[in-house]
PDB file of N, CA and C in Angstrom:
ATOM      1  N   MET A   1      10.847  17.922  -9.058  1.00  0.00           N
ATOM      2  CA  MET A   1      10.401  18.534  -7.817  1.00  0.00           C
ATOM      3  C   MET A   1       9.327  19.580  -8.138  1.00  0.00           C
ATOM      4  N   LYS A   2       8.237  19.560  -7.426  1.00  0.00           N
ATOM      5  CA  LYS A   2       7.151  20.501  -7.659  1.00  0.00           C
ATOM      6  C   LYS A   2       7.378  21.774  -6.859  1.00  0.00           C
ATOM      7  N   THR A   3       6.964  22.881  -7.461  1.00  0.00           N
ATOM      8  CA  THR A   3       7.075  24.152  -6.751  1.00  0.00           C
ATOM      9  C   THR A   3       5.930  24.291  -5.775  1.00  0.00           C
ATOM     10  N   ASN A   4       6.036  25.246  -4.860  1.00  0.00           N
ATOM     11  CA  ASN A   4       4.947  25.497  -3.909  1.00  0.00           C
ATOM     12  C   ASN A   4       3.677  25.901  -4.639  1.00  0.00           C
ATOM     13  N   GLN A   5       3.828  26.673  -5.720  1.00  0.00           N
ATOM     14  CA  GLN A   5       2.655  27.105  -6.476  1.00  0.00           C
ATOM     15  C   GLN A   5       1.942  25.897  -7.080  1.00  0.00           C
ATOM     16  N   ALA A   6       2.688  24.961  -7.634  1.00  0.00           N
ATOM     17  CA  ALA A   6       2.081  23.764  -8.210  1.00  0.00           C
ATOM     18  C   ALA A   6       1.375  22.949  -7.133  1.00  0.00           C
ATOM     19  N   LYS A   7       1.966  22.839  -5.959  1.00  0.00           N
ATOM     20  CA  LYS A   7       1.320  22.121  -4.860  1.00  0.00           C
ATOM     21  C   LYS A   7       0.026  22.809  -4.457  1.00  0.00           C
ATOM     22  N   ASN A   8       0.026  24.141  -4.394  1.00  0.00           N
ATOM     23  CA  ASN A   8      -1.175  24.882  -4.034  1.00  0.00           C
ATOM     24  C   ASN A   8      -2.278  24.687  -5.062  1.00  0.00           C
ATOM     25  N   LEU A   9      -1.934  24.639  -6.344  1.00  0.00           N
ATOM     26  CA  LEU A   9      -2.942  24.420  -7.379  1.00  0.00           C
ATOM     27  C   LEU A   9      -3.591  23.052  -7.212  1.00  0.00           C
ATOM     28  N   GLU A  10      -2.805  22.053  -6.848  1.00  0.00           N
ATOM     29  CA  GLU A  10      -3.356  20.713  -6.654  1.00  0.00           C
ATOM     30  C   GLU A  10      -4.298  20.662  -5.457  1.00  0.00           C
ATOM     31  N   THR A  11      -3.972  21.342  -4.395  1.00  0.00           N
ATOM     32  CA  THR A  11      -4.797  21.287  -3.191  1.00  0.00           C
ATOM     33  C   THR A  11      -6.025  22.185  -3.293  1.00  0.00           C
ATOM     34  N   ASN A  12      -6.041  23.127  -4.227  1.00  0.00           N
ATOM     35  CA  ASN A  12      -7.174  24.043  -4.384  1.00  0.00           C
ATOM     36  C   ASN A  12      -8.131  23.599  -5.480  1.00  0.00           C
ATOM     37  N   GLU A  13      -8.044  22.351  -5.914  1.00  0.00           N
ATOM     38  CA  GLU A  13      -8.936  21.865  -6.951  1.00  0.00           C
ATOM     39  C   GLU A  13     -10.378  21.876  -6.437  1.00  0.00           C
ATOM     40  N   LEU A  14     -11.290  22.169  -7.338  1.00  0.00           N
ATOM     41  CA  LEU A  14     -12.705  22.195  -7.011  1.00  0.00           C
ATOM     42  C   LEU A  14     -13.230  20.763  -6.925  1.00  0.00           C
ATOM     43  N   VAL A  15     -13.852  20.436  -5.814  1.00  0.00           N
ATOM     44  CA  VAL A  15     -14.421  19.113  -5.623  1.00  0.00           C
ATOM     45  C   VAL A  15     -15.942  19.259  -5.579  1.00  0.00           C
ATOM     46  N   LEU A  16     -16.621  18.534  -6.460  1.00  0.00           N
ATOM     47  CA  LEU A  16     -18.075  18.554  -6.496  1.00  0.00           C
ATOM     48  C   LEU A  16     -18.599  17.321  -5.781  1.00  0.00           C
ATOM     49  N   THR A  17     -19.483  17.524  -4.813  1.00  0.00           N
ATOM     50  CA  THR A  17     -20.019  16.408  -4.040  1.00  0.00           C
ATOM     51  C   THR A  17     -21.538  16.473  -4.045  1.00  0.00           C
ATOM     52  N   THR A  18     -22.169  15.374  -4.396  1.00  0.00           N
ATOM     53  CA  THR A  18     -23.615  15.232  -4.339  1.00  0.00           C
ATOM     54  C   THR A  18     -23.926  14.070  -3.408  1.00  0.00           C
ATOM     55  N   GLU A  19     -24.871  14.281  -2.492  1.00  0.00           N
ATOM     56  CA  GLU A  19     -25.296  13.207  -1.596  1.00  0.00           C
ATOM     57  C   GLU A  19     -26.650  12.706  -2.082  1.00  0.00           C
ATOM     58  N   LEU A  20     -26.791  11.403  -2.174  1.00  0.00           N
ATOM     59  CA  LEU A  20     -27.991  10.782  -2.711  1.00  0.00           C
ATOM     60  C   LEU A  20     -28.500   9.748  -1.720  1.00  0.00           C
ATOM     61  N   LEU A  21     -29.804   9.802  -1.420  1.00  0.00           N
ATOM     62  CA  LEU A  21     -30.437   8.835  -0.525  1.00  0.00           C
ATOM     63  C   LEU A  21     -31.638   8.246  -1.249  1.00  0.00           C
ATOM     64  N   ILE A  22     -31.640   6.940  -1.419  1.00  0.00           N
ATOM     65  CA  ILE A  22     -32.764   6.252  -2.045  1.00  0.00           C
ATOM     66  C   ILE A  22     -33.554   5.572  -0.941  1.00  0.00           C
ATOM     67  N   LEU A  23     -34.798   5.985  -0.770  1.00  0.00           N
ATOM     68  CA  LEU A  23     -35.661   5.449   0.280  1.00  0.00           C
ATOM     69  C   LEU A  23     -36.278   4.123  -0.150  1.00  0.00           C
ATOM     70  N   PRO A  24     -36.752   3.317   0.791  1.00  0.00           N
ATOM     71  CA  PRO A  24     -37.340   2.006   0.453  1.00  0.00           C
ATOM     72  C   PRO A  24     -38.521   2.086  -0.523  1.00  0.00           C
ATOM     73  N   ASP A  25     -39.252   3.221  -0.503  1.00  0.00           N
ATOM     74  CA  ASP A  25     -40.389   3.352  -1.417  1.00  0.00           C
ATOM     75  C   ASP A  25     -39.970   3.838  -2.807  1.00  0.00           C
ATOM     76  N   GLY A  26     -38.664   3.992  -3.028  1.00  0.00           N
ATOM     77  CA  GLY A  26     -38.163   4.416  -4.336  1.00  0.00           C
ATOM     78  C   GLY A  26     -37.942   5.910  -4.467  1.00  0.00           C
ATOM     79  N   GLN A  27     -38.384   6.680  -3.480  1.00  0.00           N
ATOM     80  CA  GLN A  27     -38.180   8.123  -3.516  1.00  0.00           C
ATOM     81  C   GLN A  27     -36.688   8.411  -3.398  1.00  0.00           C
ATOM     82  N   ILE A  28     -36.220   9.399  -4.166  1.00  0.00           N
ATOM     83  CA  ILE A  28     -34.808   9.767  -4.150  1.00  0.00           C
ATOM     84  C   ILE A  28     -34.672  11.170  -3.580  1.00  0.00           C
ATOM     85  N   LEU A  29     -33.819  11.303  -2.575  1.00  0.00           N
ATOM     86  CA  LEU A  29     -33.520  12.603  -1.992  1.00  0.00           C
ATOM     87  C   LEU A  29     -32.083  12.961  -2.357  1.00  0.00           C
ATOM     88  N   VAL A  30     -31.879  14.211  -2.796  1.00  0.00           N
ATOM     89  CA  VAL A  30     -30.557  14.634  -3.229  1.00  0.00           C
ATOM     90  C   VAL A  30     -30.186  15.919  -2.503  1.00  0.00           C
ATOM     91  N   HIS A  31     -28.969  15.967  -2.003  1.00  0.00           N
ATOM     92  CA  HIS A  31     -28.428  17.169  -1.363  1.00  0.00           C
ATOM     93  C   HIS A  31     -27.261  17.654  -2.194  1.00  0.00           C
ATOM     94  N   ASN A  32     -27.228  18.945  -2.484  1.00  0.00           N
ATOM     95  CA  ASN A  32     -26.168  19.568  -3.265  1.00  0.00           C
ATOM     96  C   ASN A  32     -26.074  18.944  -4.657  1.00  0.00           C
ATOM     97  N   LEU A  33     -27.169  19.020  -5.402  1.00  0.00           N
ATOM     98  CA  LEU A  33     -27.220  18.458  -6.748  1.00  0.00           C
ATOM     99  C   LEU A  33     -26.335  19.269  -7.682  1.00  0.00           C
ATOM    100  N   THR A  34     -25.264  18.661  -8.144  1.00  0.00           N
ATOM    101  CA  THR A  34     -24.341  19.332  -9.055  1.00  0.00           C
ATOM    102  C   THR A  34     -24.817  19.120 -10.491  1.00  0.00           C
ATOM    103  N   GLN A  35     -24.364  19.967 -11.390  1.00  0.00           N
ATOM    104  CA  GLN A  35     -24.777  19.861 -12.782  1.00  0.00           C
ATOM    105  C   GLN A  35     -24.406  18.507 -13.400  1.00  0.00           C
ATOM    106  N   PRO A  36     -23.184  18.005 -13.211  1.00  0.00           N
ATOM    107  CA  PRO A  36     -22.875  16.696 -13.805  1.00  0.00           C
ATOM    108  C   PRO A  36     -23.775  15.578 -13.277  1.00  0.00           C
ATOM    109  N   PHE A  37     -24.095  15.617 -11.987  1.00  0.00           N
ATOM    110  CA  PHE A  37     -24.952  14.571 -11.428  1.00  0.00           C
ATOM    111  C   PHE A  37     -26.391  14.749 -11.901  1.00  0.00           C
ATOM    112  N   ALA A  38     -26.834  15.994 -12.059  1.00  0.00           N
ATOM    113  CA  ALA A  38     -28.178  16.254 -12.585  1.00  0.00           C
ATOM    114  C   ALA A  38     -28.309  15.709 -14.001  1.00  0.00           C
ATOM    115  N   GLU A  39     -27.260  15.858 -14.795  1.00  0.00           N
ATOM    116  CA  GLU A  39     -27.281  15.322 -16.157  1.00  0.00           C
ATOM    117  C   GLU A  39     -27.416  13.804 -16.140  1.00  0.00           C
ATOM    118  N   LEU A  40     -26.726  13.151 -15.212  1.00  0.00           N
ATOM    119  CA  LEU A  40     -26.828  11.700 -15.078  1.00  0.00           C
ATOM    120  C   LEU A  40     -28.243  11.288 -14.659  1.00  0.00           C
ATOM    121  N   LEU A  41     -28.791  11.961 -13.651  1.00  0.00           N
ATOM    122  CA  LEU A  41     -30.140  11.629 -13.180  1.00  0.00           C
ATOM    123  C   LEU A  41     -31.189  11.891 -14.249  1.00  0.00           C
ATOM    124  N   LYS A  42     -30.983  12.931 -15.068  1.00  0.00           N
ATOM    125  CA  LYS A  42     -31.940  13.226 -16.141  1.00  0.00           C
ATOM    126  C   LYS A  42     -31.981  12.082 -17.147  1.00  0.00           C
ATOM    127  N   GLU A  43     -30.837  11.454 -17.404  1.00  0.00           N
ATOM    128  CA  GLU A  43     -30.813  10.299 -18.305  1.00  0.00           C
ATOM    129  C   GLU A  43     -31.643   9.153 -17.729  1.00  0.00           C
ATOM    130  N   LEU A  44     -31.633   9.009 -16.404  1.00  0.00           N
ATOM    131  CA  LEU A  44     -32.383   7.932 -15.757  1.00  0.00           C
ATOM    132  C   LEU A  44     -33.868   8.239 -15.656  1.00  0.00           C
ATOM    133  N   ASN A  45     -34.222   9.534 -15.512  1.00  0.00           N
ATOM    134  CA  ASN A  45     -35.620   9.935 -15.355  1.00  0.00           C
ATOM    135  C   ASN A  45     -35.856  11.242 -16.108  1.00  0.00           C
ATOM    136  N   PRO A  46     -35.993  11.192 -17.438  1.00  0.00           N
ATOM    137  CA  PRO A  46     -36.103  12.418 -18.235  1.00  0.00           C
ATOM    138  C   PRO A  46     -37.383  13.219 -17.987  1.00  0.00           C
ATOM    139  N   ASP A  47     -38.398  12.624 -17.360  1.00  0.00           N
ATOM    140  CA  ASP A  47     -39.659  13.324 -17.139  1.00  0.00           C
ATOM    141  C   ASP A  47     -39.701  14.128 -15.839  1.00  0.00           C
ATOM    142  N   CYS A  48     -38.672  14.031 -15.008  1.00  0.00           N
ATOM    143  CA  CYS A  48     -38.662  14.734 -13.725  1.00  0.00           C
ATOM    144  C   CYS A  48     -38.314  16.206 -13.939  1.00  0.00           C
ATOM    145  N   GLU A  49     -39.272  17.086 -13.669  1.00  0.00           N
ATOM    146  CA  GLU A  49     -39.072  18.518 -13.879  1.00  0.00           C
ATOM    147  C   GLU A  49     -38.023  19.103 -12.932  1.00  0.00           C
ATOM    148  N   GLN A  50     -37.954  18.602 -11.692  1.00  0.00           N
ATOM    149  CA  GLN A  50     -36.986  19.134 -10.738  1.00  0.00           C
ATOM    150  C   GLN A  50     -35.556  18.882 -11.200  1.00  0.00           C
ATOM    151  N   ILE A  51     -35.316  17.720 -11.748  1.00  0.00           N
ATOM    152  CA  ILE A  51     -33.979  17.412 -12.244  1.00  0.00           C
ATOM    153  C   ILE A  51     -33.719  18.164 -13.547  1.00  0.00           C
ATOM    154  N   SER A  52     -34.677  18.155 -14.447  1.00  0.00           N
ATOM    155  CA  SER A  52     -34.512  18.824 -15.740  1.00  0.00           C
ATOM    156  C   SER A  52     -34.221  20.307 -15.585  1.00  0.00           C
ATOM    157  N   SER A  53     -34.771  20.922 -14.559  1.00  0.00           N
ATOM    158  CA  SER A  53     -34.542  22.357 -14.356  1.00  0.00           C
ATOM    159  C   SER A  53     -33.106  22.654 -13.949  1.00  0.00           C
ATOM    160  N   ARG A  54     -32.373  21.649 -13.482  1.00  0.00           N
ATOM    161  CA  ARG A  54     -30.981  21.830 -13.062  1.00  0.00           C
ATOM    162  C   ARG A  54     -29.987  21.584 -14.189  1.00  0.00           C
ATOM    163  N   VAL A  55     -30.481  21.077 -15.326  1.00  0.00           N
ATOM    164  CA  VAL A  55     -29.607  20.782 -16.464  1.00  0.00           C
ATOM    165  C   VAL A  55     -29.783  21.897 -17.486  1.00  0.00           C
ATOM    166  N   PRO A  56     -28.715  22.617 -17.812  1.00  0.00           N
ATOM    167  CA  PRO A  56     -28.842  23.713 -18.776  1.00  0.00           C
ATOM    168  C   PRO A  56     -29.202  23.199 -20.159  1.00  0.00           C
ATOM    169  N   ARG A  57     -29.959  24.010 -20.870  1.00  0.00           N
ATOM    170  CA  ARG A  57     -30.319  23.661 -22.235  1.00  0.00           C
ATOM    171  C   ARG A  57     -29.120  23.870 -23.145  1.00  0.00           C
ATOM    172  N   PRO A  58     -29.021  23.109 -24.230  1.00  0.00           N
ATOM    173  CA  PRO A  58     -27.922  23.325 -25.175  1.00  0.00           C
ATOM    174  C   PRO A  58     -27.964  24.744 -25.729  1.00  0.00           C
ATOM    175  N   ALA A  59     -26.810  25.298 -26.035  1.00  0.00           N
ATOM    176  CA  ALA A  59     -26.714  26.675 -26.512  1.00  0.00           C
ATOM    177  C   ALA A  59     -27.569  26.910 -27.748  1.00  0.00           C
ATOM    178  N   SER A  60     -27.729  25.898 -28.578  1.00  0.00           N
ATOM    179  CA  SER A  60     -28.516  26.061 -29.798  1.00  0.00           C
ATOM    180  C   SER A  60     -29.999  26.251 -29.503  1.00  0.00           C
ATOM    181  N   LEU A  61     -30.460  25.887 -28.306  1.00  0.00           N
ATOM    182  CA  LEU A  61     -31.879  26.003 -27.960  1.00  0.00           C
ATOM    183  C   LEU A  61     -32.202  27.195 -27.070  1.00  0.00           C
ATOM    184  N   THR A  62     -31.210  27.923 -26.600  1.00  0.00           N
ATOM    185  CA  THR A  62     -31.475  28.982 -25.632  1.00  0.00           C
ATOM    186  C   THR A  62     -32.222  30.161 -26.227  1.00  0.00           C
ATOM    187  N   ASN A  63     -32.165  30.345 -27.527  1.00  0.00           N
ATOM    188  CA  ASN A  63     -32.850  31.477 -28.157  1.00  0.00           C
ATOM    189  C   ASN A  63     -34.201  31.111 -28.747  1.00  0.00           C
ATOM    190  N   GLU A  64     -34.615  29.883 -28.564  1.00  0.00           N
ATOM    191  CA  GLU A  64     -35.896  29.454 -29.103  1.00  0.00           C
ATOM    192  C   GLU A  64     -36.999  29.755 -28.092  1.00  0.00           C
ATOM    193  N   PHE A  65     -38.212  29.915 -28.621  1.00  0.00           N
ATOM    194  CA  PHE A  65     -39.370  30.155 -27.767  1.00  0.00           C
ATOM    195  C   PHE A  65     -39.847  28.840 -27.184  1.00  0.00           C
ATOM    196  N   PRO A  66     -40.345  28.834 -25.934  1.00  0.00           N
ATOM    197  CA  PRO A  66     -40.882  27.602 -25.368  1.00  0.00           C
ATOM    198  C   PRO A  66     -42.149  27.186 -26.077  1.00  0.00           C
ATOM    199  N   ASN A  67     -42.435  25.877 -26.076  1.00  0.00           N
ATOM    200  CA  ASN A  67     -43.647  25.367 -26.730  1.00  0.00           C
ATOM    201  C   ASN A  67     -44.877  25.735 -25.964  1.00  0.00           C
TER     202      ASN A  67
END
């Protein structure tokens, strides 16, 4: 039997939702771009600056100077 506290923890889980619309001309519109979804989109289109700006750099690169 679950306690009330355990039930509350289950119902208070964080849900991440991203809405994606692909237009007939290939343009992609995204609402509420979450970090996990941005990482996925970056794999599909690594040259897109808007998506890349939403993906954090690895910790090993944060102290390096930009090129």
